[in-house]
Protein backbone atom coordinates (compact mmCIF):
# COMPACT_ATOMS: atom_id res chain seq x y z
CA MET A 1 12.82 -27.05 -2.85
CA LYS A 2 15.37 -24.47 -1.94
CA LYS A 3 16.72 -24.69 1.62
CA LEU A 4 16.55 -22.01 3.91
CA THR A 5 20.04 -20.05 5.01
CA LEU A 6 20.79 -20.47 8.61
CA PHE A 7 19.75 -16.75 8.69
CA ALA A 8 16.24 -17.79 7.93
CA ALA A 9 16.39 -20.75 9.98
CA THR A 10 17.37 -18.78 12.88
CA LEU A 11 14.51 -16.23 12.12
CA LEU A 12 11.87 -18.30 11.53
CA GLY A 13 13.19 -20.86 14.21
CA ALA A 14 10.66 -22.13 17.45
CA CYS A 15 7.81 -20.12 17.46
CA ALA A 16 6.84 -17.81 20.74
CA PRO A 17 4.07 -15.72 21.80
CA THR A 18 6.02 -12.57 20.81
CA VAL A 19 6.74 -10.55 17.24
CA ILE A 20 9.85 -11.93 15.38
CA THR A 21 12.26 -9.16 15.16
CA PRO A 22 12.64 -8.63 11.87
CA PRO A 23 16.27 -8.87 9.96
CA SER A 24 18.93 -5.92 10.17
CA VAL A 25 19.17 -4.08 6.78
CA ASN A 26 23.06 -5.46 7.12
CA ALA A 27 21.93 -9.08 7.55
CA ARG A 28 22.88 -11.33 4.15
CA ALA A 29 20.46 -12.23 2.36
CA SER A 30 19.07 -15.18 2.83
CA ALA A 31 17.20 -17.46 0.05
CA PRO A 32 13.83 -17.57 -1.13
CA VAL A 33 11.59 -20.40 0.28
CA GLU A 34 9.28 -22.52 -2.76
CA ASP A 35 8.16 -25.23 -0.47
CA TYR A 36 4.36 -23.68 -0.25
CA ASP A 37 3.08 -26.75 1.98
CA GLY A 38 6.04 -25.72 4.44
CA LEU A 39 5.83 -22.40 4.36
CA ASP A 40 1.73 -22.58 4.97
CA THR A 41 2.60 -24.80 7.78
CA ARG A 42 5.08 -21.66 9.46
CA ILE A 43 2.30 -19.09 9.04
CA GLU A 44 -0.44 -21.35 10.67
CA GLU A 45 2.20 -21.35 13.45
CA LEU A 46 3.40 -18.11 13.59
CA MET A 47 -0.43 -17.55 13.23
CA ALA A 48 -1.53 -19.11 16.59
CA ALA A 49 1.75 -17.93 18.45
CA ASN A 50 0.43 -14.24 18.16
CA ASP A 51 -2.80 -15.12 17.95
CA VAL A 52 -3.79 -13.95 14.45
CA LYS A 53 -7.61 -14.25 13.88
CA GLY A 54 -6.87 -14.05 9.55
CA MET A 55 -4.95 -13.30 6.94
CA ALA A 56 -3.98 -14.29 3.13
CA ILE A 57 -0.91 -14.40 1.14
CA ALA A 58 -0.47 -14.49 -2.90
CA ILE A 59 2.88 -15.61 -4.30
CA ILE A 60 3.77 -13.91 -7.94
CA ASP A 61 7.42 -15.13 -9.44
CA GLY A 62 7.78 -13.44 -12.99
CA GLU A 63 4.24 -13.98 -14.96
CA GLU A 64 2.91 -16.67 -13.24
CA VAL A 65 0.72 -16.58 -10.14
CA ARG A 66 2.11 -19.46 -7.96
CA HIS A 67 0.79 -19.56 -4.85
CA VAL A 68 -2.56 -18.46 -3.13
CA ARG A 69 -4.06 -19.13 0.52
CA ALA A 70 -5.99 -17.86 3.07
CA PHE A 71 -5.40 -19.07 6.74
CA GLY A 72 -8.08 -18.26 9.79
CA HIS A 73 -11.61 -16.80 9.79
CA ALA A 74 -13.79 -14.19 8.24
CA ASN A 75 -15.19 -13.90 11.64
CA VAL A 76 -14.27 -16.27 14.54
CA GLU A 77 -17.18 -15.51 16.50
CA LYS A 78 -19.33 -17.29 14.25
CA GLN A 79 -16.36 -19.35 12.44
CA VAL A 80 -17.00 -18.87 9.53
CA PRO A 81 -13.10 -19.27 7.73
CA LEU A 82 -11.05 -17.14 5.41
CA GLU A 83 -11.43 -18.23 1.74
CA THR A 84 -8.81 -16.67 -1.14
CA ASP A 85 -12.12 -15.89 -2.55
CA THR A 86 -13.44 -13.33 1.01
CA ILE A 87 -14.02 -9.64 0.46
CA MET A 88 -11.59 -8.14 2.24
CA TYR A 89 -10.64 -4.42 3.12
CA ALA A 90 -7.49 -3.18 1.11
CA ALA A 91 -7.15 -0.11 2.92
CA SER A 92 -4.41 2.19 1.09
CA ILE A 93 -3.23 -0.30 -1.36
CA THR A 94 -6.11 1.26 -3.29
CA LYS A 95 -3.30 4.19 -3.36
CA ALA A 96 -1.06 1.74 -5.76
CA ALA A 97 -3.82 0.36 -8.12
CA PHE A 98 -5.16 4.27 -8.21
CA THR A 99 -1.67 5.56 -9.38
CA TYR A 100 -1.40 2.28 -12.15
CA MET A 101 -4.63 3.66 -13.50
CA VAL A 102 -3.27 7.80 -13.44
CA LEU A 103 -0.17 6.36 -15.51
CA GLN A 104 -1.75 4.86 -18.38
CA LEU A 105 -3.81 8.33 -18.83
CA VAL A 106 0.06 9.72 -18.78
CA ASP A 107 0.62 7.52 -21.59
CA GLU A 108 -2.57 8.45 -23.50
CA GLY A 109 -1.31 12.27 -23.34
CA ARG A 110 -4.21 12.76 -20.98
CA ILE A 111 -2.97 14.03 -18.36
CA GLY A 112 0.74 14.96 -17.18
CA LEU A 113 2.77 13.70 -14.68
CA ASP A 114 4.40 17.46 -13.96
CA THR A 115 1.93 19.70 -15.54
CA PRO A 116 0.62 22.21 -12.86
CA ILE A 117 -2.74 21.08 -11.63
CA SER A 118 -4.02 24.77 -11.88
CA GLU A 119 -3.94 23.97 -15.75
CA TYR A 120 -6.98 20.87 -15.43
CA LEU A 121 -8.85 23.34 -13.22
CA ALA A 122 -11.76 25.67 -14.05
CA LYS A 123 -11.05 28.08 -11.49
CA PRO A 124 -8.00 28.49 -8.70
CA LEU A 125 -7.78 25.44 -6.12
CA PRO A 126 -9.24 27.30 -3.26
CA GLU A 127 -12.22 28.53 -4.82
CA TYR A 128 -14.03 25.25 -4.33
CA SER A 129 -15.29 24.96 -1.51
CA ASP A 130 -17.85 21.68 -1.98
CA GLU A 131 -18.53 19.64 0.62
CA ASP A 132 -19.06 16.84 -1.02
CA ARG A 133 -16.83 17.17 -4.05
CA GLY A 134 -14.01 18.70 -2.25
CA ASP A 135 -13.55 21.72 0.16
CA TRP A 136 -10.09 23.19 -0.59
CA SER A 137 -11.43 27.26 0.48
CA SER A 138 -8.03 27.37 3.77
CA LEU A 139 -6.05 27.08 1.33
CA GLN A 140 -7.04 30.77 0.04
CA GLY A 141 -3.73 33.36 0.08
CA ASP A 142 -1.45 30.50 -0.06
CA GLU A 143 -0.47 30.48 -3.44
CA ASP A 144 1.71 27.22 -3.12
CA TRP A 145 -1.17 24.97 -4.29
CA ARG A 146 0.19 26.22 -7.95
CA LEU A 147 3.55 24.60 -7.57
CA LEU A 148 1.34 21.19 -7.43
CA THR A 149 1.57 18.48 -9.99
CA PRO A 150 0.34 15.31 -10.40
CA ARG A 151 3.69 13.76 -9.51
CA MET A 152 3.87 15.46 -6.44
CA LEU A 153 0.31 14.14 -4.93
CA LEU A 154 1.58 10.53 -6.36
CA ASN A 155 5.10 10.68 -4.77
CA HIS A 156 4.06 12.03 -1.65
CA SER A 157 6.10 15.05 -1.58
CA SER A 158 2.80 17.79 -1.63
CA GLY A 159 3.84 19.19 1.58
CA LEU A 160 0.03 18.26 3.04
CA ALA A 161 -1.03 16.41 6.05
CA ASN A 162 -1.78 12.99 5.65
CA LEU A 163 -5.55 13.04 6.14
CA ARG A 164 -7.63 16.87 6.80
CA TRP A 165 -8.64 15.61 10.15
CA LEU A 166 -5.68 15.36 11.56
CA GLU A 167 -4.90 19.09 11.53
CA PRO A 168 -6.66 21.99 13.59
CA ASP A 169 -10.35 22.88 12.55
CA HIS A 170 -9.76 20.62 9.66
CA ASP A 171 -8.43 23.48 7.28
CA MET A 172 -5.58 21.74 4.97
CA SER A 173 -2.09 23.43 4.79
CA PHE A 174 1.06 23.11 3.54
CA HIS A 175 3.50 21.78 6.06
CA PHE A 176 6.81 22.65 3.27
CA THR A 177 7.34 23.84 -0.05
CA PRO A 178 5.55 21.35 -2.60
CA GLY A 179 8.48 19.06 -4.16
CA THR A 180 11.30 19.23 -0.87
CA ALA A 181 10.11 16.80 1.25
CA TYR A 182 8.57 13.28 2.16
CA ALA A 183 5.22 13.62 4.00
CA TYR A 184 2.78 10.64 3.49
CA SER A 185 -0.96 12.71 2.61
CA GLY A 186 -3.43 10.60 1.25
CA GLU A 187 -5.07 14.07 0.82
CA GLY A 188 -2.34 13.90 -2.34
CA PHE A 189 -4.56 11.52 -3.65
CA TYR A 190 -7.96 12.81 -2.47
CA LEU A 191 -6.86 15.86 -4.21
CA LEU A 192 -5.34 14.28 -7.78
CA GLN A 193 -8.95 12.33 -7.74
CA PHE A 194 -10.57 15.99 -7.28
CA VAL A 195 -8.48 16.79 -10.02
CA LEU A 196 -8.96 13.80 -12.37
CA GLU A 197 -13.34 14.08 -12.05
CA GLN A 198 -13.38 18.03 -11.64
CA GLY A 199 -10.92 18.65 -14.28
CA LEU A 200 -11.04 16.14 -16.79
CA GLY A 201 -14.60 15.28 -16.08
CA LEU A 202 -13.33 11.08 -15.39
CA ASN A 203 -15.29 9.01 -13.34
CA VAL A 204 -12.44 7.55 -10.90
CA LYS A 205 -14.70 4.56 -10.34
CA ASP A 206 -15.17 3.52 -13.77
CA GLU A 207 -11.81 4.02 -14.40
CA MET A 208 -10.63 1.79 -12.36
CA GLN A 209 -13.45 -0.75 -13.02
CA ARG A 210 -12.13 -0.39 -17.15
CA ARG A 211 -8.53 -0.02 -16.82
CA ILE A 212 -7.73 -1.84 -13.31
CA PHE A 213 -10.29 -4.13 -12.37
CA ASP A 214 -11.30 -6.23 -15.88
CA ARG A 215 -8.03 -5.67 -17.59
CA PHE A 216 -6.89 -7.82 -14.43
CA GLY A 217 -9.38 -10.08 -14.31
CA MET A 218 -10.82 -8.67 -10.85
CA PRO A 219 -14.66 -10.09 -10.46
CA ASP A 220 -14.19 -9.55 -6.73
CA THR A 221 -12.87 -5.97 -6.46
CA SER A 222 -14.61 -2.38 -6.42
CA MET A 223 -13.63 1.02 -5.69
CA GLN A 224 -17.09 0.94 -3.45
CA TRP A 225 -19.23 -0.98 -1.57
CA ARG A 226 -21.54 -3.68 -3.78
CA GLU A 227 -24.71 -5.41 -2.30
CA ASP A 228 -22.85 -8.65 -3.22
CA PHE A 229 -19.90 -8.23 -1.50
CA ALA A 230 -22.14 -9.52 1.91
CA SER A 231 -22.29 -13.10 1.47
CA HIS A 232 -18.65 -13.16 1.58
CA LEU A 233 -16.62 -10.59 3.29
CA ALA A 234 -13.87 -10.66 6.10
CA ASP A 235 -14.42 -8.77 9.39
CA GLY A 236 -12.03 -7.18 11.52
CA TYR A 237 -10.07 -7.55 15.02
CA ARG A 238 -8.23 -4.70 16.32
CA PHE A 239 -4.63 -4.99 18.50
CA ASP A 240 -6.96 -6.29 21.55
CA GLY A 241 -8.83 -8.73 19.62
CA THR A 242 -11.82 -6.18 19.42
CA PHE A 243 -14.13 -7.13 16.66
CA GLU A 244 -15.06 -4.75 13.87
CA PRO A 245 -17.85 -5.34 11.11
CA HIS A 246 -16.56 -4.74 7.52
CA ASP A 247 -17.45 -1.32 6.32
CA ALA A 248 -19.63 -0.93 3.66
CA ARG A 249 -18.05 1.88 2.39
CA SER A 250 -20.57 4.23 0.15
CA GLY A 251 -17.86 6.97 -1.31
CA VAL A 252 -15.15 6.76 -4.09
CA SER A 253 -11.69 7.21 -2.21
CA ALA A 254 -8.52 7.19 -4.25
CA SER A 255 -6.58 6.83 -1.13
CA GLY A 256 -8.39 3.91 0.49
CA SER A 257 -11.82 2.81 -0.60
CA MET A 258 -10.81 -0.50 -2.65
CA ASP A 259 -12.49 -3.95 -1.82
CA THR A 260 -10.42 -7.20 -2.95
CA THR A 261 -9.86 -10.58 -2.14
CA ILE A 262 -6.53 -12.38 -1.96
CA ALA A 263 -7.14 -14.27 -5.84
CA ASP A 264 -7.67 -11.02 -7.21
CA GLN A 265 -5.07 -8.48 -5.75
CA ALA A 266 -2.67 -11.67 -6.99
CA ARG A 267 -3.51 -10.98 -10.21
CA MET A 268 -3.67 -7.63 -10.06
CA TRP A 269 0.15 -7.58 -8.70
CA ARG A 270 1.32 -10.24 -11.24
CA GLY A 271 -0.15 -7.87 -14.42
CA MET A 272 1.00 -4.59 -12.57
CA LEU A 273 4.77 -6.03 -12.36
CA ILE A 274 4.85 -7.25 -15.75
CA GLY A 275 3.68 -3.87 -16.90
CA GLU A 276 0.68 -5.04 -18.82
CA GLY A 277 -1.40 -1.67 -19.48
CA LEU A 278 2.39 0.38 -19.66
CA SER A 279 4.42 1.64 -22.26
CA PRO A 280 7.92 0.12 -21.03
CA GLU A 281 8.85 3.62 -19.91
CA MET A 282 5.75 4.61 -17.70
CA ARG A 283 6.16 1.41 -16.03
CA ALA A 284 9.64 2.30 -15.17
CA GLU A 285 8.43 5.64 -14.08
CA TRP A 286 6.19 3.86 -11.54
CA THR A 287 8.72 2.34 -9.17
CA ARG A 288 11.59 4.81 -9.67
CA PRO A 289 12.74 6.48 -6.74
CA GLU A 290 12.12 10.02 -6.41
CA VAL A 291 11.90 11.52 -3.23
CA PRO A 292 14.65 10.49 -0.42
CA ILE A 293 13.26 9.24 2.44
CA SER A 294 15.48 9.78 5.71
CA THR A 295 12.74 10.26 8.92
CA LYS A 296 12.91 7.62 11.67
CA SER A 297 9.17 6.67 10.64
CA LYS A 298 6.64 6.84 8.25
CA PHE A 299 3.77 7.92 10.97
CA PRO A 300 3.14 10.35 12.08
CA THR A 301 3.07 12.36 8.88
CA ILE A 302 3.74 16.03 9.50
CA LYS A 303 5.21 14.98 13.71
CA VAL A 304 8.42 13.38 12.63
CA LEU A 305 9.50 16.10 9.79
CA GLY A 306 13.01 17.04 10.94
CA THR A 307 13.45 13.58 12.48
CA TYR A 308 16.71 11.60 10.94
CA ASP A 309 17.96 8.03 11.09
CA PRO A 310 20.30 6.51 8.92
CA ILE A 311 18.71 3.33 7.43
CA GLY A 312 16.89 5.04 4.97
CA PRO A 313 19.57 6.57 3.41
CA ARG A 314 21.46 3.45 4.01
CA VAL A 315 19.20 1.46 1.62
CA HIS A 316 18.05 3.95 -0.75
CA LEU A 317 14.89 4.12 0.14
CA ALA A 318 12.96 6.44 -1.37
CA GLY A 319 8.90 7.53 -2.44
CA GLY A 320 8.23 6.31 -6.30
CA LEU A 321 4.76 7.11 -7.38
CA GLY A 322 2.05 5.49 -4.81
CA VAL A 323 4.62 2.78 -4.30
CA ASP A 324 8.02 3.14 -1.59
CA THR A 325 11.34 1.94 -3.02
CA TRP A 326 14.75 0.78 -1.36
CA GLU A 327 17.35 -1.08 -2.60
CA GLY A 328 17.48 -4.67 -1.56
CA PRO A 329 20.37 -7.70 -2.02
CA SER A 330 18.97 -8.32 -5.97
CA GLY A 331 18.72 -4.20 -6.83
CA ARG A 332 15.11 -2.25 -6.15
CA PHE A 333 12.44 -3.82 -4.49
CA PHE A 334 9.40 -1.85 -3.96
CA ALA A 335 6.21 -2.00 -1.23
CA LYS A 336 2.81 -0.85 -0.78
CA GLY A 337 1.53 -1.06 2.42
CA GLY A 338 -2.19 -0.99 3.91
CA HIS A 339 -3.32 -0.19 7.91
CA ASN A 340 -5.60 0.48 10.05
CA GLU A 341 -6.94 -0.33 13.37
CA TRP A 342 -8.34 -3.12 12.11
CA THR A 343 -6.38 -4.03 8.71
CA GLY A 344 -3.01 -5.05 7.86
CA ASN A 345 -2.19 -5.43 4.50
CA ILE A 346 1.20 -5.37 2.46
CA ALA A 347 3.00 -6.12 -1.08
CA GLN A 348 6.75 -6.37 -1.45
CA CYS A 349 8.34 -6.62 -5.00
CA ASP A 350 11.71 -7.78 -5.93
CA GLU A 351 12.24 -5.73 -9.23
CA ALA A 352 15.49 -7.72 -10.48
CA ASN A 353 13.70 -10.44 -10.00
CA LYS A 354 10.49 -9.83 -10.76
CA ARG A 355 8.95 -11.46 -7.54
CA CYS A 356 6.14 -10.17 -5.47
CA VAL A 357 4.35 -11.59 -2.00
CA VAL A 358 1.13 -9.46 -1.16
CA LEU A 359 0.01 -10.34 2.52
CA LEU A 360 -3.80 -8.94 3.73
CA GLY A 361 -4.73 -9.10 7.26
CA ASN A 362 -7.66 -8.80 8.58
CA ASP A 363 -6.61 -8.70 11.82
CA VAL A 364 -3.90 -5.93 12.81
CA ARG A 365 -2.02 -8.04 14.82
CA ALA A 366 -0.63 -10.43 11.09
CA GLU A 367 1.89 -7.00 10.81
CA LEU A 368 3.85 -8.60 14.02
CA ILE A 369 4.76 -11.92 11.60
CA TYR A 370 5.16 -10.11 8.25
CA PRO A 371 9.04 -9.65 8.33
CA ALA A 372 9.29 -13.22 8.95
CA ILE A 373 6.80 -14.43 6.06
CA VAL A 374 8.39 -12.10 3.75
CA THR A 375 11.79 -13.36 4.47
CA MET A 376 10.71 -16.86 4.00
CA VAL A 377 9.69 -15.77 0.27
CA LEU A 378 11.78 -13.24 -0.68
CA GLY A 379 14.21 -13.78 1.52
CA ASN A 380 15.88 -10.75 3.46
CA THR A 381 14.08 -7.49 1.60
CA ARG A 382 16.05 -5.10 3.54
CA TYR A 383 13.38 -3.58 3.88
CA PRO A 384 13.44 -0.97 6.92
CA TRP A 385 10.25 -2.69 9.13
CA ALA A 386 11.14 0.02 11.84
CA TRP A 387 10.47 3.15 9.58
CA THR A 388 6.81 1.73 8.39
CA TYR A 389 5.38 0.00 11.83
CA PRO A 390 7.58 2.17 14.15
CA GLU A 391 5.00 0.84 17.23
CA LEU A 392 5.82 -2.47 17.06
CA PHE A 393 9.77 -2.68 15.85
CA GLY A 394 10.92 0.81 16.38
CA ARG A 395 14.37 1.34 17.67
C-alpha cells in the first residue's frame, strides 16, 4: 500500500459534518491510495459526516478494473441497499459515451468532425419545425447555423444555450459566433443527434447499444427506460434530503438519458480509456484540448460569458470532445460530470498513467465529498472544482 502524502492525509483527516475543501491547483501532487479497504472505510466516514444517502465508485488502472463498490442506499425509506448492479441515472456522463460513439462514425468516414452540418441535412436547419423530432425554426434568419460542425457541437463552442427552456419563449438563438468560445450546451448534443438521425438516417439508440454498451459488456445500461430496470433501481435525494423517484425516461437523448450501473460504467471507462473501438488518432482527438476555458464557473452557461478567473488558464482548462481537459501533475487529465437536483456523478482520468475514478451518486450531496475521494484515488489532480461546482466550492 502506498502511504498518503502529508497533504492528502491532512485533507482527509478528522471527519466533520461539512464539505472538505478541495486542494488548491498550486498544492503539491499527492500519491494515490491503493488500499481499497481503507478507501472504502474513509468513504463511509465521509458519507456519514455529510449525510450522503448513496454513492458508488469504480477505479480503473491501465487495462484493469481494480475496484468497484457501492455504499449506502438505493432507497432509504425502504432500506434498499445500493449495489454495484443497481440502476442509476448517468445524467450528462451520457455525453462522453455519445461522443465516443460519434468518433467511431468519424473513423469510418460516415461523418466529418469539421464538415458543416448543412451538408448532412436535406433542407436548411430552420426549416425543421417538428416538435417531436426537433424544432429549429427559431433560428430562421440567422445564418450562423451554417457555421456549425460536429466538432463545435461536441466541444461546447456552438454558441447555443445549455437548454432551450432556459431561453426567453424557449426560442433558440446564438449567443456568440460558433467556434469562438466555450459555453456548455446540451442543445448542441441534441442537434448532433438530430443530424445523425435526420441527416444520416441512423438510430442513435441502436448505435449506442451496438457501439458502446455491447462493445464494452454493459448489460444493465440503456439510452431508454427498460421495464426490467424497475426491480433494481436507485431513487434520488435532493440536497435537503427530499426524496425523488427514479425517472423512467422514455425518450433517447444524446445529452443525458442513459441509465446505467457502476459496474457497467467501470467497463465503459476502462474501454474508452484504452481506446477500444477507435483508431489511435481518433482516441487522441477525443481528449485533445480544443477550446480554452477562463470563465469563473461552468454554469450558468450564458450568464458567465465575459467573466474571468485565472484558475482555468493556470491549469490549461479546455473543452475537448464531450469531456473537459486540463494539465495535472503528470500531464493531461480529462473529466465528465453529470448532475441534476438529485444526481451527482463525475469521472476523472489521468491520461499519462491510464488511471480513472468514476463516482455515481443518487444523492446530490455526494458532490460534497468527491474532491476528497478523487484526491485519495488519483492524488491531487489540480482539477478546478470551484469552476464545476461554484455553489459548493466557489471562492
